[in-house]
Amino acid sequence: MAAPSGRRDGGDSASLWAALLLAVVALRPAKAVSEPTTVAFDVRPGGVVHTFSQNVGPGDKYTCVFTYASQGGTNEKWQMSLGTSEDNQHFTCTIWRPQGKSYLYFTQFKAEVRGAEIEYGMAYSKAAFERESDVPLKNEEFEVTKTAVSHRPGLFKAELSKLVIVAKASRSEL
């Protein structure tokens, strides 16, 4: 493809050249990126331990598992969203109640990852909704290990509305 000439003819050749460049860029093969996956599930009260899990990545190499027990009220609709980085070496798992605040009292919770190690983990008593922001739990209420974000018995105040994890492929997965 030749570069545009310095000739000026009302800008038409420059427009044509720009259109050709855009077409070439648009036709290049795109890198495969994992589209975020969001799955809805019910958080059920009753004090019984429940587990919800989802896989993501090539060959479902990563798993995010949410285990909890809660009391009060009725079922709530929650969501788990997962996605991977372009190079598939990182993944994110977000578990939250889209309406913001949960009205259930959680007696325990644990969000764990398989196939990766946590680089960042955070728990929130209230998830952002409309004009309100996320409200994080106090540091003493939860702990983050290499593979899990979980409540601290005796210190967790039973309020949970969101968990966020960013993890990197385990050395054995690299």
Protein backbone atom coordinates (compact mmCIF):
# COMPACT_ATOMS: atom_id res chain seq x y z
CA MET A 1 0.00 0.00 0.00
CA ALA A 2 1.46 3.38 -0.96
CA ALA A 3 1.47 6.38 1.30
CA PRO A 4 -0.85 9.22 0.32
CA SER A 5 0.68 11.78 -1.99
CA GLY A 6 1.13 15.38 -0.97
CA ARG A 7 -1.47 16.33 -3.59
CA ARG A 8 -4.49 18.21 -2.28
CA ASP A 9 -7.78 17.60 -3.94
CA GLY A 10 -10.32 18.67 -1.39
CA GLY A 11 -9.24 16.08 1.22
CA ASP A 12 -10.80 13.12 -0.57
CA SER A 13 -7.51 11.20 -0.92
CA ALA A 14 -6.71 11.75 2.77
CA SER A 15 -10.17 10.47 3.71
CA LEU A 16 -9.72 7.44 1.48
CA TRP A 17 -6.30 6.75 2.99
CA ALA A 18 -7.72 6.99 6.54
CA ALA A 19 -10.58 4.64 5.61
CA LEU A 20 -8.10 2.11 4.19
CA LEU A 21 -5.96 2.26 7.34
CA LEU A 22 -9.03 1.72 9.52
CA ALA A 23 -10.07 -1.24 7.37
CA VAL A 24 -6.61 -2.84 7.70
CA VAL A 25 -6.65 -2.35 11.49
CA ALA A 26 -10.18 -3.73 11.76
CA LEU A 27 -9.29 -6.85 9.75
CA ARG A 28 -6.24 -7.79 11.85
CA PRO A 29 -6.78 -10.89 13.96
CA ALA A 30 -7.77 -9.89 17.47
CA LYS A 31 -6.16 -11.44 20.55
CA ALA A 32 -8.47 -13.79 22.39
CA VAL A 33 -9.69 -12.26 25.62
CA SER A 34 -11.98 -14.05 28.02
CA GLU A 35 -15.31 -12.30 28.13
CA PRO A 36 -16.42 -11.86 31.73
CA THR A 37 -18.92 -14.50 32.76
CA THR A 38 -21.68 -13.55 35.19
CA VAL A 39 -23.87 -16.20 36.76
CA ALA A 40 -26.83 -15.51 39.06
CA PHE A 41 -27.49 -17.71 42.09
CA ASP A 42 -29.62 -17.66 45.23
CA VAL A 43 -28.13 -17.04 48.65
CA ARG A 44 -30.39 -19.00 50.98
CA PRO A 45 -30.91 -18.44 54.69
CA GLY A 46 -31.56 -21.16 57.24
CA GLY A 47 -28.15 -21.53 58.85
CA VAL A 48 -27.14 -24.40 56.57
CA VAL A 49 -23.78 -24.24 54.79
CA HIS A 50 -24.18 -23.76 51.02
CA THR A 51 -21.60 -23.68 48.24
CA PHE A 52 -21.68 -22.14 44.78
CA SER A 53 -18.78 -22.45 42.32
CA GLN A 54 -17.91 -21.46 38.79
CA ASN A 55 -14.97 -22.17 36.44
CA VAL A 56 -13.25 -19.82 34.02
CA GLY A 57 -10.25 -19.71 31.70
CA PRO A 58 -8.98 -22.07 29.02
CA GLY A 59 -9.94 -25.60 29.99
CA ASP A 60 -11.73 -24.16 33.04
CA LYS A 61 -8.31 -23.88 34.69
CA TYR A 62 -9.53 -21.52 37.45
CA THR A 63 -12.36 -22.06 39.91
CA CYS A 64 -14.01 -19.64 42.31
CA VAL A 65 -15.94 -21.21 45.19
CA PHE A 66 -18.27 -19.32 47.56
CA THR A 67 -19.21 -21.16 50.77
CA TYR A 68 -21.50 -19.51 53.32
CA ALA A 69 -24.18 -19.88 55.95
CA SER A 70 -26.76 -17.17 56.62
CA GLN A 71 -29.88 -16.50 58.70
CA GLY A 72 -33.05 -14.43 58.40
CA GLY A 73 -35.26 -13.26 55.59
CA THR A 74 -35.76 -15.09 52.31
CA ASN A 75 -33.55 -16.05 49.37
CA GLU A 76 -31.58 -13.21 47.79
CA LYS A 77 -30.38 -13.02 44.20
CA TRP A 78 -26.58 -12.73 44.08
CA GLN A 79 -24.11 -12.86 41.20
CA MET A 80 -20.66 -14.29 40.60
CA SER A 81 -18.60 -12.67 37.83
CA LEU A 82 -15.36 -14.16 36.56
CA GLY A 83 -12.90 -13.08 33.92
CA THR A 84 -9.32 -13.73 32.85
CA SER A 85 -6.52 -11.48 31.66
CA GLU A 86 -5.46 -11.46 28.02
CA ASP A 87 -2.56 -13.82 28.77
CA ASN A 88 -4.75 -16.05 31.00
CA GLN A 89 -2.30 -15.67 33.90
CA HIS A 90 -4.68 -13.66 36.13
CA PHE A 91 -8.33 -14.02 36.90
CA THR A 92 -10.91 -12.10 38.87
CA CYS A 93 -13.84 -13.36 40.87
CA THR A 94 -16.46 -10.95 42.20
CA ILE A 95 -19.37 -12.19 44.29
CA TRP A 96 -22.03 -9.65 45.18
CA ARG A 97 -25.62 -8.71 45.73
CA PRO A 98 -26.52 -6.36 42.84
CA GLN A 99 -29.12 -4.52 44.97
CA GLY A 100 -26.34 -3.26 47.24
CA LYS A 101 -26.96 -4.39 50.81
CA SER A 102 -27.81 -7.89 51.89
CA TYR A 103 -30.44 -8.21 54.60
CA LEU A 104 -29.25 -11.67 55.57
CA TYR A 105 -27.02 -12.28 58.59
CA PHE A 106 -24.01 -14.31 57.56
CA THR A 107 -22.67 -16.63 60.22
CA GLN A 108 -19.73 -17.55 57.99
CA PHE A 109 -18.29 -17.02 54.52
CA LYS A 110 -15.34 -18.13 52.46
CA ALA A 111 -14.49 -17.32 48.84
CA GLU A 112 -11.67 -19.48 47.60
CA VAL A 113 -9.79 -19.89 44.35
CA ARG A 114 -8.36 -23.02 42.77
CA GLY A 115 -5.59 -22.98 40.19
CA ALA A 116 -4.34 -19.58 41.34
CA GLU A 117 -3.03 -17.60 44.30
CA ILE A 118 -4.72 -14.44 45.56
CA GLU A 119 -2.92 -11.16 44.93
CA TYR A 120 -5.79 -8.99 46.14
CA GLY A 121 -8.87 -9.82 48.18
CA MET A 122 -11.50 -7.60 49.77
CA ALA A 123 -14.83 -8.06 51.54
CA TYR A 124 -17.62 -5.49 51.80
CA SER A 125 -20.58 -5.08 54.11
CA LYS A 126 -22.35 -3.04 51.43
CA ALA A 127 -21.97 -3.15 47.65
CA ALA A 128 -22.16 -0.04 45.50
CA PHE A 129 -25.72 0.66 44.38
CA GLU A 130 -27.11 3.74 42.66
CA ARG A 131 -25.29 6.70 44.30
CA GLU A 132 -23.83 4.75 47.20
CA SER A 133 -20.30 3.36 47.32
CA ASP A 134 -18.90 0.02 48.47
CA VAL A 135 -18.40 -0.14 52.23
CA PRO A 136 -15.48 -2.42 53.16
CA LEU A 137 -15.51 -4.69 56.18
CA LYS A 138 -13.09 -3.75 58.92
CA ASN A 139 -9.73 -5.51 58.49
CA GLU A 140 -10.22 -7.48 61.69
CA GLU A 141 -13.50 -9.00 60.40
CA PHE A 142 -11.95 -11.04 57.59
CA GLU A 143 -8.66 -12.53 56.45
CA VAL A 144 -6.99 -13.08 53.09
CA THR A 145 -4.73 -16.08 52.52
CA LYS A 146 -3.06 -17.38 49.36
CA THR A 147 -6.25 -19.10 48.30
CA ALA A 148 -9.20 -17.65 50.24
CA VAL A 149 -10.98 -14.61 51.65
CA SER A 150 -12.94 -15.64 54.74
CA HIS A 151 -14.64 -14.40 57.89
CA ARG A 152 -12.79 -14.28 61.21
CA PRO A 153 -14.83 -16.18 63.81
CA GLY A 154 -15.84 -13.97 66.71
CA LEU A 155 -14.86 -10.74 64.91
CA PHE A 156 -17.06 -10.83 61.78
CA LYS A 157 -20.21 -8.76 62.36
CA ALA A 158 -22.47 -10.85 60.06
CA GLU A 159 -22.80 -8.24 57.26
CA LEU A 160 -21.67 -9.25 53.78
CA SER A 161 -22.69 -7.93 50.38
CA LYS A 162 -19.62 -8.27 48.14
CA LEU A 163 -16.30 -10.10 47.77
CA VAL A 164 -13.57 -9.27 45.25
CA ILE A 165 -10.59 -11.48 44.40
CA VAL A 166 -7.77 -10.96 41.90
CA ALA A 167 -5.55 -14.03 41.55
CA LYS A 168 -2.52 -15.11 39.57
CA ALA A 169 -1.90 -18.57 38.14
CA SER A 170 -0.22 -20.86 40.66
CA ARG A 171 3.41 -21.69 39.92
CA SER A 172 2.34 -25.22 39.04
CA GLU A 173 -0.08 -23.76 36.45
CA LEU A 174 2.51 -21.56 34.71
